Amino acid sequence: ILDTSRSGALIVDPTGKQDRLLIASGGGTSVASAVEQVVQQ
């Protein structure tokens, strides 16, 4: 994410039902929002 080769990262928790999504709004808020929406769905 920091080298801009990815716009987000999904970290899956193998022991629970809640995962984590890393985004970078500094790279563009519309991209960050789109990734968040797609992953949440």
PDB file of all heavy atoms in Angstrom:
ATOM      1  N   ILE A   1       0.841  -1.200   0.000  1.00  0.00           N
ATOM      2  CA  ILE A   1       0.000   0.000   0.000  1.00  0.00           C
ATOM      3  C   ILE A   1       0.878   1.253   0.000  1.00  0.00           C
ATOM      4  O   ILE A   1       0.620   2.214  -0.722  1.00  0.00           O
ATOM      5  CB  ILE A   1      -0.953  -0.005   1.212  1.00  0.00           C
ATOM      6  CG1 ILE A   1      -1.980  -1.129   1.063  1.00  0.00           C
ATOM      7  CG2 ILE A   1      -1.666   1.338   1.349  1.00  0.00           C
ATOM      8  CD1 ILE A   1      -2.888  -1.288   2.267  1.00  0.00           C
ATOM      9  N   LEU A   2       1.925   1.234   0.802  1.00  0.00           N
ATOM     10  CA  LEU A   2       2.800   2.398   0.901  1.00  0.00           C
ATOM     11  C   LEU A   2       3.595   2.645  -0.375  1.00  0.00           C
ATOM     12  O   LEU A   2       3.962   3.783  -0.669  1.00  0.00           O
ATOM     13  CB  LEU A   2       3.758   2.236   2.091  1.00  0.00           C
ATOM     14  CG  LEU A   2       3.094   2.224   3.475  1.00  0.00           C
ATOM     15  CD1 LEU A   2       4.139   1.970   4.559  1.00  0.00           C
ATOM     16  CD2 LEU A   2       2.360   3.536   3.744  1.00  0.00           C
ATOM     17  N   ASP A   3       3.876   1.583  -1.147  1.00  0.00           N
ATOM     18  CA  ASP A   3       4.588   1.803  -2.410  1.00  0.00           C
ATOM     19  C   ASP A   3       3.620   1.959  -3.587  1.00  0.00           C
ATOM     20  O   ASP A   3       4.037   1.971  -4.745  1.00  0.00           O
ATOM     21  CB  ASP A   3       5.609   0.692  -2.678  1.00  0.00           C
ATOM     22  CG  ASP A   3       4.980  -0.664  -2.960  1.00  0.00           C
ATOM     23  OD1 ASP A   3       3.776  -0.733  -3.281  1.00  0.00           O
ATOM     24  OD2 ASP A   3       5.710  -1.679  -2.857  1.00  0.00           O
ATOM     25  N   THR A   4       2.333   2.082  -3.269  1.00  0.00           N
ATOM     26  CA  THR A   4       1.228   2.358  -4.210  1.00  0.00           C
ATOM     27  C   THR A   4       0.951   1.235  -5.211  1.00  0.00           C
ATOM     28  O   THR A   4       0.198   1.431  -6.153  1.00  0.00           O
ATOM     29  CB  THR A   4       1.459   3.668  -4.986  1.00  0.00           C
ATOM     30  OG1 THR A   4       2.524   3.501  -5.933  1.00  0.00           O
ATOM     31  CG2 THR A   4       1.758   4.829  -4.044  1.00  0.00           C
ATOM     32  N   SER A   5       1.547   0.069  -5.007  1.00  0.00           N
ATOM     33  CA  SER A   5       1.246  -1.037  -5.919  1.00  0.00           C
ATOM     34  C   SER A   5      -0.097  -1.689  -5.597  1.00  0.00           C
ATOM     35  O   SER A   5      -0.637  -2.430  -6.416  1.00  0.00           O
ATOM     36  CB  SER A   5       2.363  -2.080  -5.884  1.00  0.00           C
ATOM     37  OG  SER A   5       2.470  -2.669  -4.599  1.00  0.00           O
ATOM     38  N   ARG A   6      -0.628  -1.435  -4.406  1.00  0.00           N
ATOM     39  CA  ARG A   6      -1.966  -1.912  -4.022  1.00  0.00           C
ATOM     40  C   ARG A   6      -2.746  -0.753  -3.421  1.00  0.00           C
ATOM     41  O   ARG A   6      -2.186   0.112  -2.752  1.00  0.00           O
ATOM     42  CB  ARG A   6      -1.893  -3.058  -2.998  1.00  0.00           C
ATOM     43  CG  ARG A   6      -1.085  -4.261  -3.426  1.00  0.00           C
ATOM     44  CD  ARG A   6      -1.723  -5.019  -4.578  1.00  0.00           C
ATOM     45  NE  ARG A   6      -0.963  -6.222  -4.885  1.00  0.00           N
ATOM     46  CZ  ARG A   6       0.109  -6.264  -5.658  1.00  0.00           C
ATOM     47  NH1 ARG A   6       0.583  -5.140  -6.204  1.00  0.00           N
ATOM     48  NH2 ARG A   6       0.735  -7.411  -5.897  1.00  0.00           N
ATOM     49  N   SER A   7      -4.051  -0.755  -3.666  1.00  0.00           N
ATOM     50  CA  SER A   7      -4.911   0.297  -3.118  1.00  0.00           C
ATOM     51  C   SER A   7      -5.581  -0.110  -1.823  1.00  0.00           C
ATOM     52  O   SER A   7      -6.253   0.710  -1.185  1.00  0.00           O
ATOM     53  CB  SER A   7      -5.989   0.685  -4.143  1.00  0.00           C
ATOM     54  OG  SER A   7      -5.405   1.233  -5.298  1.00  0.00           O
ATOM     55  N   GLY A   8      -5.429  -1.360  -1.426  1.00  0.00           N
ATOM     56  CA  GLY A   8      -6.017  -1.844  -0.186  1.00  0.00           C
ATOM     57  C   GLY A   8      -5.515  -3.238   0.121  1.00  0.00           C
ATOM     58  O   GLY A   8      -4.830  -3.862  -0.694  1.00  0.00           O
ATOM     59  N   ALA A   9      -5.855  -3.708   1.308  1.00  0.00           N
ATOM     60  CA  ALA A   9      -5.457  -5.069   1.703  1.00  0.00           C
ATOM     61  C   ALA A   9      -6.491  -5.629   2.666  1.00  0.00           C
ATOM     62  O   ALA A   9      -6.883  -4.960   3.629  1.00  0.00           O
ATOM     63  CB  ALA A   9      -4.077  -5.052   2.352  1.00  0.00           C
ATOM     64  N   LEU A  10      -6.939  -6.843   2.396  1.00  0.00           N
ATOM     65  CA  LEU A  10      -7.883  -7.533   3.262  1.00  0.00           C
ATOM     66  C   LEU A  10      -7.132  -8.551   4.121  1.00  0.00           C
ATOM     67  O   LEU A  10      -6.465  -9.437   3.582  1.00  0.00           O
ATOM     68  CB  LEU A  10      -8.955  -8.241   2.426  1.00  0.00           C
ATOM     69  CG  LEU A  10     -10.006  -9.053   3.202  1.00  0.00           C
ATOM     70  CD1 LEU A  10     -10.794  -8.166   4.158  1.00  0.00           C
ATOM     71  CD2 LEU A  10     -10.938  -9.782   2.225  1.00  0.00           C
ATOM     72  N   ILE A  11      -7.218  -8.374   5.435  1.00  0.00           N
ATOM     73  CA  ILE A  11      -6.542  -9.266   6.379  1.00  0.00           C
ATOM     74  C   ILE A  11      -7.599 -10.170   7.003  1.00  0.00           C
ATOM     75  O   ILE A  11      -8.452  -9.714   7.777  1.00  0.00           O
ATOM     76  CB  ILE A  11      -5.819  -8.464   7.483  1.00  0.00           C
ATOM     77  CG1 ILE A  11      -5.037  -7.279   6.884  1.00  0.00           C
ATOM     78  CG2 ILE A  11      -4.928  -9.381   8.288  1.00  0.00           C
ATOM     79  CD1 ILE A  11      -3.956  -7.659   5.912  1.00  0.00           C
ATOM     80  N   VAL A  12      -7.568 -11.437   6.645  1.00  0.00           N
ATOM     81  CA  VAL A  12      -8.589 -12.388   7.106  1.00  0.00           C
ATOM     82  C   VAL A  12      -8.201 -12.962   8.471  1.00  0.00           C
ATOM     83  O   VAL A  12      -7.065 -13.385   8.681  1.00  0.00           O
ATOM     84  CB  VAL A  12      -8.758 -13.531   6.085  1.00  0.00           C
ATOM     85  CG1 VAL A  12      -9.744 -14.586   6.611  1.00  0.00           C
ATOM     86  CG2 VAL A  12      -9.229 -12.977   4.747  1.00  0.00           C
ATOM     87  N   ASP A  13      -9.162 -12.951   9.382  1.00  0.00           N
ATOM     88  CA  ASP A  13      -8.973 -13.534  10.714  1.00  0.00           C
ATOM     89  C   ASP A  13      -9.463 -14.976  10.692  1.00  0.00           C
ATOM     90  O   ASP A  13     -10.668 -15.228  10.593  1.00  0.00           O
ATOM     91  CB  ASP A  13      -9.759 -12.719  11.742  1.00  0.00           C
ATOM     92  CG  ASP A  13      -9.546 -13.234  13.164  1.00  0.00           C
ATOM     93  OD1 ASP A  13      -8.821 -14.242  13.339  1.00  0.00           O
ATOM     94  OD2 ASP A  13     -10.130 -12.641  14.094  1.00  0.00           O
ATOM     95  N   PRO A  14      -8.572 -15.953  10.806  1.00  0.00           N
ATOM     96  CA  PRO A  14      -9.002 -17.353  10.718  1.00  0.00           C
ATOM     97  C   PRO A  14      -9.747 -17.838  11.955  1.00  0.00           C
ATOM     98  O   PRO A  14     -10.378 -18.897  11.916  1.00  0.00           O
ATOM     99  CB  PRO A  14      -7.678 -18.114  10.546  1.00  0.00           C
ATOM    100  CG  PRO A  14      -6.659 -17.240  11.192  1.00  0.00           C
ATOM    101  CD  PRO A  14      -7.108 -15.839  10.967  1.00  0.00           C
ATOM    102  N   THR A  15      -9.711 -17.077  13.035  1.00  0.00           N
ATOM    103  CA  THR A  15     -10.334 -17.531  14.284  1.00  0.00           C
ATOM    104  C   THR A  15     -11.646 -16.835  14.604  1.00  0.00           C
ATOM    105  O   THR A  15     -12.299 -17.165  15.592  1.00  0.00           O
ATOM    106  CB  THR A  15      -9.367 -17.291  15.459  1.00  0.00           C
ATOM    107  OG1 THR A  15      -9.119 -15.894  15.605  1.00  0.00           O
ATOM    108  CG2 THR A  15      -8.047 -18.028  15.222  1.00  0.00           C
ATOM    109  N   GLY A  16     -12.027 -15.847  13.819  1.00  0.00           N
ATOM    110  CA  GLY A  16     -13.248 -15.104  14.125  1.00  0.00           C
ATOM    111  C   GLY A  16     -14.039 -14.772  12.874  1.00  0.00           C
ATOM    112  O   GLY A  16     -13.740 -15.229  11.770  1.00  0.00           O
ATOM    113  N   LYS A  17     -15.044 -13.914  13.057  1.00  0.00           N
ATOM    114  CA  LYS A  17     -15.943 -13.539  11.965  1.00  0.00           C
ATOM    115  C   LYS A  17     -15.697 -12.115  11.467  1.00  0.00           C
ATOM    116  O   LYS A  17     -16.409 -11.648  10.588  1.00  0.00           O
ATOM    117  CB  LYS A  17     -17.404 -13.657  12.433  1.00  0.00           C
ATOM    118  CG  LYS A  17     -17.900 -15.082  12.596  1.00  0.00           C
ATOM    119  CD  LYS A  17     -18.119 -15.731  11.226  1.00  0.00           C
ATOM    120  CE  LYS A  17     -18.793 -17.088  11.357  1.00  0.00           C
ATOM    121  NZ  LYS A  17     -19.070 -17.673  10.023  1.00  0.00           N
ATOM    122  N   GLN A  18     -14.733 -11.435  12.074  1.00  0.00           N
ATOM    123  CA  GLN A  18     -14.451 -10.061  11.641  1.00  0.00           C
ATOM    124  C   GLN A  18     -13.041  -9.964  11.070  1.00  0.00           C
ATOM    125  O   GLN A  18     -12.069 -10.324  11.731  1.00  0.00           O
ATOM    126  CB  GLN A  18     -14.608  -9.070  12.798  1.00  0.00           C
ATOM    127  CG  GLN A  18     -14.441  -7.618  12.335  1.00  0.00           C
ATOM    128  CD  GLN A  18     -14.649  -6.615  13.442  1.00  0.00           C
ATOM    129  OE1 GLN A  18     -13.878  -6.589  14.405  1.00  0.00           O
ATOM    130  NE2 GLN A  18     -15.692  -5.796  13.328  1.00  0.00           N
ATOM    131  N   ASP A  19     -12.966  -9.496   9.836  1.00  0.00           N
ATOM    132  CA  ASP A  19     -11.683  -9.291   9.176  1.00  0.00           C
ATOM    133  C   ASP A  19     -11.330  -7.806   9.213  1.00  0.00           C
ATOM    134  O   ASP A  19     -12.108  -6.978   9.675  1.00  0.00           O
ATOM    135  CB  ASP A  19     -11.749  -9.785   7.728  1.00  0.00           C
ATOM    136  CG  ASP A  19     -12.115 -11.265   7.661  1.00  0.00           C
ATOM    137  OD1 ASP A  19     -11.656 -12.024   8.542  1.00  0.00           O
ATOM    138  OD2 ASP A  19     -12.853 -11.657   6.731  1.00  0.00           O
ATOM    139  N   ARG A  20     -10.164  -7.470   8.697  1.00  0.00           N
ATOM    140  CA  ARG A  20      -9.721  -6.080   8.657  1.00  0.00           C
ATOM    141  C   ARG A  20      -9.385  -5.683   7.217  1.00  0.00           C
ATOM    142  O   ARG A  20      -8.811  -6.469   6.471  1.00  0.00           O
ATOM    143  CB  ARG A  20      -8.500  -5.867   9.552  1.00  0.00           C
ATOM    144  CG  ARG A  20      -8.825  -5.937  11.049  1.00  0.00           C
ATOM    145  CD  ARG A  20      -7.608  -5.641  11.908  1.00  0.00           C
ATOM    146  NE  ARG A  20      -6.542  -6.611  11.689  1.00  0.00           N
ATOM    147  CZ  ARG A  20      -5.291  -6.307  11.376  1.00  0.00           C
ATOM    148  NH1 ARG A  20      -4.943  -5.036  11.199  1.00  0.00           N
ATOM    149  NH2 ARG A  20      -4.399  -7.256  11.210  1.00  0.00           N
ATOM    150  N   LEU A  21      -9.748  -4.459   6.889  1.00  0.00           N
ATOM    151  CA  LEU A  21      -9.449  -3.926   5.558  1.00  0.00           C
ATOM    152  C   LEU A  21      -8.564  -2.704   5.711  1.00  0.00           C
ATOM    153  O   LEU A  21      -8.929  -1.749   6.395  1.00  0.00           O
ATOM    154  CB  LEU A  21     -10.739  -3.544   4.817  1.00  0.00           C
ATOM    155  CG  LEU A  21     -10.540  -2.871   3.449  1.00  0.00           C
ATOM    156  CD1 LEU A  21      -9.890  -3.828   2.453  1.00  0.00           C
ATOM    157  CD2 LEU A  21     -11.871  -2.347   2.903  1.00  0.00           C
ATOM    158  N   LEU A  22      -7.408  -2.733   5.077  1.00  0.00           N
ATOM    159  CA  LEU A  22      -6.499  -1.596   5.075  1.00  0.00           C
ATOM    160  C   LEU A  22      -6.716  -0.800   3.788  1.00  0.00           C
ATOM    161  O   LEU A  22      -6.729  -1.373   2.694  1.00  0.00           O
ATOM    162  CB  LEU A  22      -5.046  -2.065   5.145  1.00  0.00           C
ATOM    163  CG  LEU A  22      -4.689  -3.083   6.231  1.00  0.00           C
ATOM    164  CD1 LEU A  22      -3.200  -3.428   6.161  1.00  0.00           C
ATOM    165  CD2 LEU A  22      -5.080  -2.571   7.609  1.00  0.00           C
ATOM    166  N   ILE A  23      -6.911   0.517   3.923  1.00  0.00           N
ATOM    167  CA  ILE A  23      -7.086   1.384   2.754  1.00  0.00           C
ATOM    168  C   ILE A  23      -6.115   2.554   2.855  1.00  0.00           C
ATOM    169  O   ILE A  23      -5.440   2.728   3.875  1.00  0.00           O
ATOM    170  CB  ILE A  23      -8.534   1.907   2.642  1.00  0.00           C
ATOM    171  CG1 ILE A  23      -8.895   2.718   3.890  1.00  0.00           C
ATOM    172  CG2 ILE A  23      -9.515   0.766   2.427  1.00  0.00           C
ATOM    173  CD1 ILE A  23     -10.214   3.463   3.772  1.00  0.00           C
ATOM    174  N   ALA A  24      -6.057   3.370   1.806  1.00  0.00           N
ATOM    175  CA  ALA A  24      -5.181   4.543   1.796  1.00  0.00           C
ATOM    176  C   ALA A  24      -5.936   5.696   1.151  1.00  0.00           C
ATOM    177  O   ALA A  24      -5.898   5.869  -0.071  1.00  0.00           O
ATOM    178  CB  ALA A  24      -3.894   4.249   1.036  1.00  0.00           C
ATOM    179  N   SER A  25      -6.634   6.486   1.948  1.00  0.00           N
ATOM    180  CA  SER A  25      -7.412   7.592   1.389  1.00  0.00           C
ATOM    181  C   SER A  25      -6.511   8.655   0.779  1.00  0.00           C
ATOM    182  O   SER A  25      -6.938   9.415  -0.094  1.00  0.00           O
ATOM    183  CB  SER A  25      -8.302   8.209   2.471  1.00  0.00           C
ATOM    184  OG  SER A  25      -7.531   8.674   3.563  1.00  0.00           O
ATOM    185  N   GLY A  26      -5.241   8.708   1.203  1.00  0.00           N
ATOM    186  CA  GLY A  26      -4.310   9.644   0.591  1.00  0.00           C
ATOM    187  C   GLY A  26      -4.071   9.368  -0.874  1.00  0.00           C
ATOM    188  O   GLY A  26      -3.692  10.263  -1.634  1.00  0.00           O
ATOM    189  N   GLY A  27      -4.297   8.140  -1.299  1.00  0.00           N
ATOM    190  CA  GLY A  27      -4.150   7.790  -2.704  1.00  0.00           C
ATOM    191  C   GLY A  27      -5.381   8.083  -3.531  1.00  0.00           C
ATOM    192  O   GLY A  27      -5.379   7.862  -4.735  1.00  0.00           O
ATOM    193  N   GLY A  28      -6.437   8.567  -2.879  1.00  0.00           N
ATOM    194  CA  GLY A  28      -7.684   8.876  -3.578  1.00  0.00           C
ATOM    195  C   GLY A  28      -8.877   8.377  -2.797  1.00  0.00           C
ATOM    196  O   GLY A  28      -9.008   7.171  -2.568  1.00  0.00           O
ATOM    197  N   THR A  29      -9.740   9.281  -2.392  1.00  0.00           N
ATOM    198  CA  THR A  29     -10.868   8.880  -1.552  1.00  0.00           C
ATOM    199  C   THR A  29     -11.885   8.036  -2.314  1.00  0.00           C
ATOM    200  O   THR A  29     -12.513   7.162  -1.728  1.00  0.00           O
ATOM    201  CB  THR A  29     -11.571  10.117  -0.982  1.00  0.00           C
ATOM    202  OG1 THR A  29     -11.972  10.985  -2.057  1.00  0.00           O
ATOM    203  CG2 THR A  29     -10.649  10.887  -0.046  1.00  0.00           C
ATOM    204  N   SER A  30     -12.052   8.280  -3.604  1.00  0.00           N
ATOM    205  CA  SER A  30     -13.042   7.498  -4.351  1.00  0.00           C
ATOM    206  C   SER A  30     -12.591   6.051  -4.491  1.00  0.00           C
ATOM    207  O   SER A  30     -13.407   5.122  -4.406  1.00  0.00           O
ATOM    208  CB  SER A  30     -13.285   8.114  -5.731  1.00  0.00           C
ATOM    209  OG  SER A  30     -12.118   8.092  -6.518  1.00  0.00           O
ATOM    210  N   VAL A  31     -11.283   5.833  -4.675  1.00  0.00           N
ATOM    211  CA  VAL A  31     -10.769   4.464  -4.750  1.00  0.00           C
ATOM    212  C   VAL A  31     -10.905   3.769  -3.407  1.00  0.00           C
ATOM    213  O   VAL A  31     -11.344   2.617  -3.323  1.00  0.00           O
ATOM    214  CB  VAL A  31      -9.289   4.475  -5.200  1.00  0.00           C
ATOM    215  CG1 VAL A  31      -8.652   3.111  -4.967  1.00  0.00           C
ATOM    216  CG2 VAL A  31      -9.192   4.830  -6.670  1.00  0.00           C
ATOM    217  N   ALA A  32     -10.542   4.470  -2.321  1.00  0.00           N
ATOM    218  CA  ALA A  32     -10.645   3.880  -0.990  1.00  0.00           C
ATOM    219  C   ALA A  32     -12.094   3.515  -0.670  1.00  0.00           C
ATOM    220  O   ALA A  32     -12.372   2.432  -0.138  1.00  0.00           O
ATOM    221  CB  ALA A  32     -10.098   4.857   0.050  1.00  0.00           C
ATOM    222  N   SER A  33     -13.026   4.400  -1.012  1.00  0.00           N
ATOM    223  CA  SER A  33     -14.443   4.128  -0.755  1.00  0.00           C
ATOM    224  C   SER A  33     -14.941   2.965  -1.595  1.00  0.00           C
ATOM    225  O   SER A  33     -15.732   2.139  -1.117  1.00  0.00           O
ATOM    226  CB  SER A  33     -15.274   5.380  -1.059  1.00  0.00           C
ATOM    227  OG  SER A  33     -14.922   6.444  -0.206  1.00  0.00           O
ATOM    228  N   ALA A  34     -14.488   2.888  -2.839  1.00  0.00           N
ATOM    229  CA  ALA A  34     -14.925   1.787  -3.705  1.00  0.00           C
ATOM    230  C   ALA A  34     -14.431   0.452  -3.180  1.00  0.00           C
ATOM    231  O   ALA A  34     -15.176  -0.534  -3.145  1.00  0.00           O
ATOM    232  CB  ALA A  34     -14.412   2.023  -5.130  1.00  0.00           C
ATOM    233  N   VAL A  35     -13.171   0.379  -2.765  1.00  0.00           N
ATOM    234  CA  VAL A  35     -12.629  -0.860  -2.199  1.00  0.00           C
ATOM    235  C   VAL A  35     -13.407  -1.248  -0.947  1.00  0.00           C
ATOM    236  O   VAL A  35     -13.779  -2.421  -0.761  1.00  0.00           O
ATOM    237  CB  VAL A  35     -11.127  -0.698  -1.882  1.00  0.00           C
ATOM    238  CG1 VAL A  35     -10.615  -1.900  -1.085  1.00  0.00           C
ATOM    239  CG2 VAL A  35     -10.331  -0.538  -3.168  1.00  0.00           C
ATOM    240  N   GLU A  36     -13.652  -0.279  -0.103  1.00  0.00           N
ATOM    241  CA  GLU A  36     -14.390  -0.552   1.130  1.00  0.00           C
ATOM    242  C   GLU A  36     -15.784  -1.097   0.831  1.00  0.00           C
ATOM    243  O   GLU A  36     -16.231  -2.082   1.438  1.00  0.00           O
ATOM    244  CB  GLU A  36     -14.492   0.732   1.951  1.00  0.00           C
ATOM    245  CG  GLU A  36     -15.173   0.560   3.294  1.00  0.00           C
ATOM    246  CD  GLU A  36     -15.179   1.847   4.095  1.00  0.00           C
ATOM    247  OE1 GLU A  36     -14.426   2.784   3.755  1.00  0.00           O
ATOM    248  OE2 GLU A  36     -15.962   1.926   5.074  1.00  0.00           O
ATOM    249  N   GLN A  37     -16.478  -0.499  -0.109  1.00  0.00           N
ATOM    250  CA  GLN A  37     -17.837  -0.929  -0.432  1.00  0.00           C
ATOM    251  C   GLN A  37     -17.851  -2.338  -1.019  1.00  0.00           C
ATOM    252  O   GLN A  37     -18.672  -3.185  -0.633  1.00  0.00           O
ATOM    253  CB  GLN A  37     -18.466   0.054  -1.415  1.00  0.00           C
ATOM    254  CG  GLN A  37     -19.916  -0.275  -1.771  1.00  0.00           C
ATOM    255  CD  GLN A  37     -20.518   0.757  -2.706  1.00  0.00           C
ATOM    256  OE1 GLN A  37     -19.850   1.720  -3.092  1.00  0.00           O
ATOM    257  NE2 GLN A  37     -21.756   0.575  -3.076  1.00  0.00           N
ATOM    258  N   VAL A  38     -16.935  -2.601  -1.943  1.00  0.00           N
ATOM    259  CA  VAL A  38     -16.900  -3.923  -2.588  1.00  0.00           C
ATOM    260  C   VAL A  38     -16.579  -5.011  -1.563  1.00  0.00           C
ATOM    261  O   VAL A  38     -17.231  -6.067  -1.523  1.00  0.00           O
ATOM    262  CB  VAL A  38     -15.869  -3.937  -3.728  1.00  0.00           C
ATOM    263  CG1 VAL A  38     -15.644  -5.357  -4.236  1.00  0.00           C
ATOM    264  CG2 VAL A  38     -16.331  -3.040  -4.869  1.00  0.00           C
ATOM    265  N   VAL A  39     -15.585  -4.761  -0.722  1.00  0.00           N
ATOM    266  CA  VAL A  39     -15.186  -5.767   0.265  1.00  0.00           C
ATOM    267  C   VAL A  39     -16.284  -5.979   1.303  1.00  0.00           C
ATOM    268  O   VAL A  39     -16.558  -7.122   1.702  1.00  0.00           O
ATOM    269  CB  VAL A  39     -13.856  -5.356   0.929  1.00  0.00           C
ATOM    270  CG1 VAL A  39     -13.542  -6.270   2.110  1.00  0.00           C
ATOM    271  CG2 VAL A  39     -12.720  -5.400  -0.089  1.00  0.00           C
ATOM    272  N   GLN A  40     -16.924  -4.920   1.734  1.00  0.00           N
ATOM    273  CA  GLN A  40     -18.005  -5.069   2.706  1.00  0.00           C
ATOM    274  C   GLN A  40     -19.144  -5.913   2.147  1.00  0.00           C
ATOM    275  O   GLN A  40     -19.713  -6.759   2.854  1.00  0.00           O
ATOM    276  CB  GLN A  40     -18.514  -3.699   3.140  1.00  0.00           C
ATOM    277  CG  GLN A  40     -17.599  -2.979   4.114  1.00  0.00           C
ATOM    278  CD  GLN A  40     -18.106  -1.613   4.491  1.00  0.00           C
ATOM    279  OE1 GLN A  40     -18.927  -1.016   3.787  1.00  0.00           O
ATOM    280  NE2 GLN A  40     -17.628  -1.080   5.608  1.00  0.00           N
ATOM    281  N   GLN A  41     -19.485  -5.705   0.901  1.00  0.00           N
ATOM    282  CA  GLN A  41     -20.544  -6.506   0.283  1.00  0.00           C
ATOM    283  C   GLN A  41     -20.121  -7.964   0.166  1.00  0.00           C
ATOM    284  O   GLN A  41     -20.931  -8.875   0.421  1.00  0.00           O
ATOM    285  CB  GLN A  41     -20.900  -5.939  -1.090  1.00  0.00           C
ATOM    286  CG  GLN A  41     -21.601  -4.589  -1.038  1.00  0.00           C
ATOM    287  CD  GLN A  41     -21.860  -4.008  -2.415  1.00  0.00           C
ATOM    288  OE1 GLN A  41     -21.366  -4.522  -3.429  1.00  0.00           O
ATOM    289  NE2 GLN A  41     -22.626  -2.932  -2.470  1.00  0.00           N
TER     290      GLN A  41
END
